[in-house]
Protein backbone atom coordinates (compact mmCIF):
# COMPACT_ATOMS: atom_id res chain seq x y z
CA MET A 1 0.00 0.00 0.00
CA ASN A 2 1.01 3.57 -0.59
CA ARG A 3 1.64 5.32 2.72
CA ASP A 4 0.68 8.77 1.45
CA ARG A 5 -3.00 7.86 1.02
CA ILE A 6 -4.77 9.43 3.99
CA VAL A 7 -8.42 8.90 4.90
CA VAL A 8 -10.82 10.17 7.52
CA GLY A 9 -13.55 8.01 9.01
CA TYR A 10 -16.71 8.42 11.07
CA ASP A 11 -18.57 5.86 13.16
CA ILE A 12 -22.09 7.04 14.02
CA GLY A 13 -23.28 5.56 17.31
CA GLY A 14 -26.24 6.20 19.57
CA THR A 15 -24.25 8.23 22.11
CA LYS A 16 -21.08 9.21 20.26
CA ILE A 17 -19.48 9.61 16.87
CA GLY A 18 -15.94 8.30 16.64
CA VAL A 19 -13.72 10.14 14.17
CA GLY A 20 -10.43 8.71 12.98
CA LEU A 21 -7.61 9.73 10.65
CA ALA A 22 -5.53 6.95 9.12
CA ASP A 23 -3.00 6.19 6.43
CA SER A 24 -3.20 3.44 3.82
CA ASN A 25 -0.79 1.20 5.73
CA GLY A 26 -3.44 0.82 8.41
CA LYS A 27 -1.96 3.24 10.93
CA LEU A 28 -4.26 5.46 12.97
CA LEU A 29 -2.90 9.01 12.92
CA GLY A 30 -5.49 10.64 15.17
CA LYS A 31 -8.89 10.17 16.76
CA ALA A 32 -11.63 12.23 18.37
CA ARG A 33 -15.06 11.75 19.92
CA ILE A 34 -18.21 13.78 19.30
CA GLU A 35 -21.01 13.39 21.84
CA ASN A 36 -24.19 12.34 20.06
CA LYS A 37 -26.81 11.58 22.69
CA ASP A 38 -30.23 13.01 21.80
CA THR A 39 -28.70 15.46 19.33
CA ARG A 40 -29.98 16.87 16.06
CA PRO A 41 -28.13 16.41 12.77
CA GLU A 42 -27.93 20.15 12.12
CA GLU A 43 -25.86 20.42 15.32
CA ILE A 44 -23.61 17.43 14.66
CA LEU A 45 -22.89 17.42 10.92
CA PRO A 46 -20.89 20.67 11.02
CA LEU A 47 -18.90 19.28 13.98
CA MET A 48 -18.10 16.18 11.96
CA ALA A 49 -16.58 18.27 9.19
CA GLU A 50 -14.78 20.54 11.66
CA THR A 51 -13.31 17.57 13.53
CA ALA A 52 -11.82 16.11 10.36
CA ARG A 53 -10.01 19.37 9.69
CA LYS A 54 -8.84 19.52 13.31
CA LEU A 55 -7.39 16.01 13.20
CA ALA A 56 -5.49 16.78 10.00
CA ALA A 57 -4.03 19.92 11.59
CA GLU A 58 -3.04 18.03 14.75
CA ALA A 59 -1.26 15.44 12.57
CA ASN A 60 0.59 18.27 10.77
CA LEU A 61 -1.08 17.36 7.49
CA PRO A 62 -2.62 19.73 4.96
CA PHE A 63 -6.29 18.88 4.58
CA GLY A 64 -5.67 18.40 0.88
CA ALA A 65 -3.64 15.29 1.74
CA ILE A 66 -6.85 13.42 2.60
CA SER A 67 -8.06 11.24 -0.27
CA MET A 68 -11.47 10.13 0.95
CA PHE A 69 -13.83 9.87 3.92
CA GLY A 70 -15.80 6.86 5.10
CA VAL A 71 -18.93 6.66 7.25
CA SER A 72 -19.84 3.64 9.37
CA ALA A 73 -23.59 3.86 9.93
CA PRO A 74 -26.17 1.95 11.96
CA GLY A 75 -29.23 0.55 10.29
CA PRO A 76 -31.69 1.13 8.95
CA ALA A 77 -29.99 3.17 6.25
CA ASP A 78 -30.01 3.78 2.52
CA ILE A 79 -26.47 2.54 1.86
CA PRO A 80 -26.07 3.42 -1.86
CA ASN A 81 -27.25 7.01 -1.32
CA GLY A 82 -25.58 7.54 2.06
CA ILE A 83 -28.77 8.39 3.95
CA LEU A 84 -29.27 7.58 7.62
CA THR A 85 -32.97 6.78 7.60
CA ALA A 86 -34.11 5.88 11.13
CA PRO A 87 -31.44 4.96 13.69
CA PRO A 88 -33.23 3.50 16.73
CA ASN A 89 -31.02 5.24 19.28
CA ASN A 90 -31.58 8.80 18.09
CA LYS A 91 -35.12 9.94 17.30
CA HIS A 92 -33.97 13.20 15.69
CA TRP A 93 -31.94 11.59 12.88
CA ARG A 94 -34.48 10.75 10.18
CA ASN A 95 -33.61 10.58 6.46
CA VAL A 96 -30.37 12.49 6.96
CA PRO A 97 -28.18 12.71 3.80
CA VAL A 98 -24.92 12.27 5.72
CA LYS A 99 -22.75 11.30 2.77
CA GLN A 100 -23.81 14.21 0.56
CA TYR A 101 -23.43 16.71 3.40
CA LEU A 102 -19.84 15.62 4.00
CA ILE A 103 -19.02 15.57 0.27
CA ASP A 104 -20.14 19.20 0.10
CA ALA A 105 -18.51 20.26 3.37
CA LEU A 106 -15.18 18.48 2.97
CA LYS A 107 -14.89 18.65 -0.83
CA LEU A 108 -13.89 14.97 -0.77
CA PRO A 109 -15.27 11.77 -2.24
CA GLY A 110 -16.81 9.48 0.34
CA VAL A 111 -18.29 6.09 1.05
CA PHE A 112 -21.17 5.13 3.34
CA GLU A 113 -21.34 1.60 4.75
CA ASN A 114 -23.19 -0.58 7.25
CA ASP A 115 -21.48 -0.58 10.66
CA ALA A 116 -21.05 -4.38 10.88
CA ASN A 117 -19.37 -4.38 7.47
CA CYS A 118 -17.16 -1.54 8.64
CA GLY A 119 -16.26 -3.57 11.72
CA ALA A 120 -15.09 -6.36 9.45
CA LEU A 121 -13.08 -3.94 7.30
CA ALA A 122 -11.56 -2.35 10.42
CA GLU A 123 -10.35 -5.73 11.65
CA TRP A 124 -9.05 -6.47 8.14
CA TYR A 125 -6.94 -3.32 7.86
CA PHE A 126 -6.07 -2.70 11.50
CA GLY A 127 -6.82 -5.77 13.64
CA ALA A 128 -7.29 -9.52 13.84
CA GLY A 129 -8.07 -9.89 10.12
CA ARG A 130 -4.78 -8.50 8.81
CA ASN A 131 -3.35 -10.57 5.95
CA CYS A 132 -6.48 -12.74 5.88
CA ASP A 133 -8.76 -12.69 2.83
CA ASP A 134 -11.46 -15.08 4.09
CA PHE A 135 -12.99 -14.25 7.46
CA ILE A 136 -16.22 -13.23 9.16
CA TYR A 137 -16.57 -10.56 11.81
CA LEU A 138 -19.47 -10.92 14.27
CA THR A 139 -20.53 -8.06 16.53
CA MET A 140 -21.63 -10.27 19.49
CA SER A 141 -23.09 -7.50 21.62
CA THR A 142 -26.64 -6.19 22.06
CA GLY A 143 -27.43 -8.03 18.84
CA ILE A 144 -25.51 -10.25 16.43
CA GLY A 145 -24.48 -8.70 13.13
CA GLY A 146 -21.82 -9.73 10.69
CA GLY A 147 -19.41 -8.58 8.06
CA ILE A 148 -18.16 -11.17 5.56
CA VAL A 149 -14.90 -10.96 3.63
CA ALA A 150 -14.51 -13.74 1.05
CA GLY A 151 -11.73 -14.00 -1.49
CA GLY A 152 -10.51 -10.56 -0.52
CA HIS A 153 -13.85 -8.83 -1.12
CA LEU A 154 -16.57 -7.57 1.19
CA ILE A 155 -19.86 -9.39 0.57
CA ARG A 156 -22.68 -6.83 0.50
CA GLY A 157 -25.50 -8.66 -1.27
CA ARG A 158 -28.01 -7.46 -3.85
CA GLY A 159 -29.80 -5.10 -1.48
CA TYR A 160 -26.90 -4.50 0.94
CA TYR A 161 -28.39 -6.91 3.50
CA ALA A 162 -25.61 -9.52 3.47
CA GLY A 163 -24.17 -10.30 6.88
CA GLU A 164 -27.43 -10.29 8.87
CA VAL A 165 -26.37 -13.60 10.38
CA GLY A 166 -28.15 -12.95 13.68
CA HIS A 167 -31.44 -13.42 11.86
CA THR A 168 -30.76 -16.89 10.56
CA VAL A 169 -33.62 -18.98 11.95
CA ILE A 170 -32.15 -21.82 14.01
CA GLU A 171 -35.32 -22.92 15.86
CA LEU A 172 -38.57 -23.32 13.94
CA ASN A 173 -41.35 -21.35 15.70
CA GLY A 174 -38.86 -20.51 18.44
CA ARG A 175 -38.47 -17.39 20.55
CA GLN A 176 -39.81 -14.14 19.17
CA CYS A 177 -36.99 -12.01 17.77
CA ASN A 178 -37.02 -8.21 17.77
CA CYS A 179 -36.76 -8.34 13.97
CA GLY A 180 -40.21 -9.95 13.66
CA LEU A 181 -39.13 -13.50 12.86
CA LYS A 182 -39.24 -16.37 15.36
CA GLY A 183 -36.32 -18.57 16.33
CA CYS A 184 -33.50 -16.32 15.15
CA TYR A 185 -29.93 -17.00 16.25
CA GLU A 186 -29.92 -13.54 17.87
CA ALA A 187 -33.01 -14.40 19.92
CA TYR A 188 -30.97 -17.10 21.67
CA ALA A 189 -27.51 -15.55 21.81
CA GLY A 190 -27.81 -11.75 21.48
CA GLY A 191 -27.15 -9.80 24.66
CA ARG A 192 -30.44 -7.90 24.67
CA ALA A 193 -32.53 -10.99 23.89
CA ILE A 194 -30.87 -13.04 26.63
CA ALA A 195 -31.39 -10.25 29.16
CA GLN A 196 -35.07 -9.99 28.19
CA HIS A 197 -35.45 -13.77 28.49
CA VAL A 198 -33.88 -13.81 31.96
CA GLN A 199 -35.99 -10.87 33.12
CA ALA A 200 -39.11 -12.82 32.09
CA LEU A 201 -37.91 -15.93 33.89
CA LEU A 202 -37.25 -13.98 37.10
CA LYS A 203 -40.27 -11.68 37.16
CA ASP A 204 -41.57 -13.45 40.28
CA ARG A 205 -38.13 -14.07 41.80
CA PRO A 206 -36.77 -10.66 42.85
CA ASP A 207 -34.32 -12.23 45.32
CA HIS A 208 -32.54 -14.37 42.72
CA PRO A 209 -28.73 -14.00 42.64
CA ILE A 210 -28.80 -12.78 39.04
CA VAL A 211 -31.02 -9.87 40.11
CA ALA A 212 -28.70 -9.21 43.06
CA PHE A 213 -25.77 -8.94 40.63
CA ALA A 214 -27.83 -6.32 38.74
CA GLY A 215 -28.05 -4.16 41.86
CA GLY A 216 -31.35 -5.67 42.95
CA LYS A 217 -33.27 -4.28 39.95
CA LEU A 218 -34.84 -6.79 37.57
CA ASP A 219 -34.97 -4.25 34.74
CA ASP A 220 -31.19 -3.80 35.03
CA VAL A 221 -30.38 -7.47 34.46
CA ASP A 222 -27.90 -7.61 31.58
CA MET A 223 -25.09 -9.81 30.30
CA SER A 224 -22.72 -8.46 32.93
CA ALA A 225 -25.02 -9.57 35.76
CA ILE A 226 -25.50 -12.97 34.14
CA GLU A 227 -21.73 -13.37 33.69
CA LYS A 228 -21.14 -12.59 37.36
CA ALA A 229 -23.77 -15.14 38.37
CA VAL A 230 -22.12 -17.74 36.15
CA ARG A 231 -18.75 -17.11 37.76
CA ALA A 232 -20.45 -17.46 41.16
CA GLY A 233 -21.82 -20.86 40.13
CA ASP A 234 -25.54 -20.04 40.09
CA PRO A 235 -27.39 -23.01 38.50
CA LEU A 236 -29.87 -20.95 36.44
CA ALA A 237 -27.12 -18.68 35.13
CA LEU A 238 -25.02 -21.71 34.19
CA GLU A 239 -27.99 -23.22 32.34
CA ILE A 240 -28.62 -19.99 30.42
CA TRP A 241 -24.92 -19.62 29.59
CA ASP A 242 -24.73 -23.21 28.36
CA GLU A 243 -27.73 -22.73 26.07
CA MET A 244 -26.22 -19.49 24.72
CA SER A 245 -22.92 -21.29 24.02
CA LEU A 246 -24.69 -24.12 22.21
CA ARG A 247 -26.70 -21.67 20.09
CA ASN A 248 -23.57 -19.67 19.32
CA ALA A 249 -21.89 -22.85 18.11
CA GLN A 250 -24.96 -23.66 16.00
CA GLY A 251 -24.98 -20.23 14.35
CA MET A 252 -21.22 -20.17 13.87
CA GLY A 253 -21.17 -23.72 12.53
CA ILE A 254 -23.55 -22.67 9.76
CA LEU A 255 -21.17 -19.86 8.83
CA ILE A 256 -18.08 -22.06 8.99
CA ASN A 257 -19.56 -24.68 6.66
CA THR A 258 -21.11 -22.10 4.34
CA PHE A 259 -18.11 -19.79 3.88
CA ASN A 260 -15.14 -21.93 4.96
CA PRO A 261 -13.44 -18.87 6.56
CA ALA A 262 -9.92 -18.86 7.97
CA LYS A 263 -11.16 -16.88 10.97
CA LEU A 264 -14.26 -15.94 12.89
CA ILE A 265 -13.47 -12.65 14.61
CA LEU A 266 -15.83 -12.01 17.51
CA GLY A 267 -16.73 -8.63 18.95
CA THR A 268 -17.67 -7.29 22.37
CA LEU A 269 -18.64 -10.28 24.50
CA ALA A 270 -15.71 -12.38 23.25
CA TRP A 271 -13.01 -9.92 24.29
CA ALA A 272 -14.84 -8.56 27.34
CA VAL A 273 -15.58 -11.99 28.87
CA GLY A 274 -12.72 -14.04 27.43
CA ALA A 275 -12.34 -17.78 27.90
CA LEU A 276 -15.64 -18.13 29.77
CA TYR A 277 -17.35 -17.06 26.56
CA LEU A 278 -15.10 -18.67 23.93
CA ASP A 279 -14.26 -22.06 25.42
CA PRO A 280 -17.84 -23.44 25.62
CA ILE A 281 -18.45 -22.39 22.00
CA ARG A 282 -15.32 -24.26 20.94
CA LYS A 283 -16.54 -27.30 22.86
CA TYR A 284 -19.87 -27.39 20.99
CA LEU A 285 -18.66 -26.41 17.50
CA PRO A 286 -17.81 -29.99 16.39
CA GLN A 287 -21.55 -30.76 16.54
CA PHE A 288 -22.27 -28.12 13.88
CA ALA A 289 -19.29 -27.95 11.51
CA TRP A 290 -17.33 -30.50 9.51
CA PRO A 291 -13.94 -31.43 10.98
CA GLN A 292 -12.13 -30.14 7.90
CA THR A 293 -13.79 -26.70 7.82
CA LEU A 294 -13.50 -26.38 11.59
CA ALA A 295 -9.79 -27.26 11.48
CA GLN A 296 -9.25 -24.46 8.96
CA CYS A 297 -11.10 -21.81 11.03
CA GLU A 298 -9.63 -19.94 13.98
CA LEU A 299 -12.02 -18.44 16.54
CA VAL A 300 -10.52 -15.20 17.86
CA PRO A 301 -11.67 -12.05 19.70
CA SER A 302 -11.49 -8.60 18.13
CA GLU A 303 -8.12 -6.91 18.48
CA LEU A 304 -9.59 -3.41 18.18
CA ARG A 305 -12.07 -3.92 21.02
CA ARG A 306 -13.87 -0.78 22.20
CA ASP A 307 -11.79 1.45 19.89
CA ILE A 308 -13.10 -0.20 16.73
CA GLY A 309 -15.28 2.83 15.96
CA TYR A 310 -12.25 5.04 15.42
CA TYR A 311 -11.04 2.67 12.72
CA ALA A 312 -14.36 1.66 11.13
CA GLY A 313 -15.02 4.58 8.78
CA CYS A 314 -11.35 4.80 7.86
CA ALA A 315 -11.35 1.14 6.86
CA ALA A 316 -14.44 1.68 4.67
CA ALA A 317 -12.63 4.49 2.86
CA LEU A 318 -9.47 2.39 2.41
CA TYR A 319 -11.51 -0.48 1.01
CA GLU A 320 -13.27 1.85 -1.44
CA LEU A 321 -9.91 3.19 -2.63
CA LYS A 322 -8.71 -0.41 -3.09
CA GLU A 323 -11.82 -1.34 -5.06
CA ARG A 324 -11.30 1.69 -7.30
CA GLY A 325 -7.73 0.61 -7.96
CA GLU A 326 -6.37 3.72 -6.26
CA LEU A 327 -4.20 1.87 -3.72
């Protein structure tokens, strides 16, 4: 890669926007955070442009050295046109033409991409996916999303929906998923779905240890409280954790046999919890994947961890430059 290709990236989250500046060798040159809780786009979009210029100045670079910007965006969104349509965590952002605004403000070409895909690209350029052309990145947090790199290319799909692996149905007429389907992988292994399931199980058991680990408030039961209860040896927590691990192996086994990746790179829960999360999945995986595909696939946590947002938009821009033949 040519070191003098510089890009700026944005990761639009529910409470913050991460802004990064990077070169085409995958080195982060600067980063900044814009608070984005309950804000309006007319307040934030000018700050996004201003922050890019500030990062370039702090890196002692003329702004003209930047080749492209990238935006990592939550769904739902109009990916081809760069429009943030209805992000669930910010009621004020509706049908916002983010990409066009930044093209006009920065006088740069840009790319707008789904945040899970950007996570995959970030790991590819900066993290656990370096030098690997066949891997899948899974978000493994509130929900389960994915970004798929196969043969050195990001798989987007006809309507830009590729990678929605959390909504593979793994149990016919199973638990209701927030997406509207029943029996989705995410309904059994996504952080929010598990918390909701446990809250329902414990609605008449306010003194249960899991609730105690949530500060005594049933509505505050989350994956952290469940993890603590597992480590304390609580039988119900262990049962829930075991089911989650089995369902994770089921969902991941489908991906391993379908795409034959060299790596599955797992987000938040994998690096935050560690072996307690990964080891049971590894134990169950042989039930759901062929020995040969499983032997060729390494299960690893994200290297970028909580900082992935600073890299995500940059990686989208680098990938776009690569696809255009400009790297």
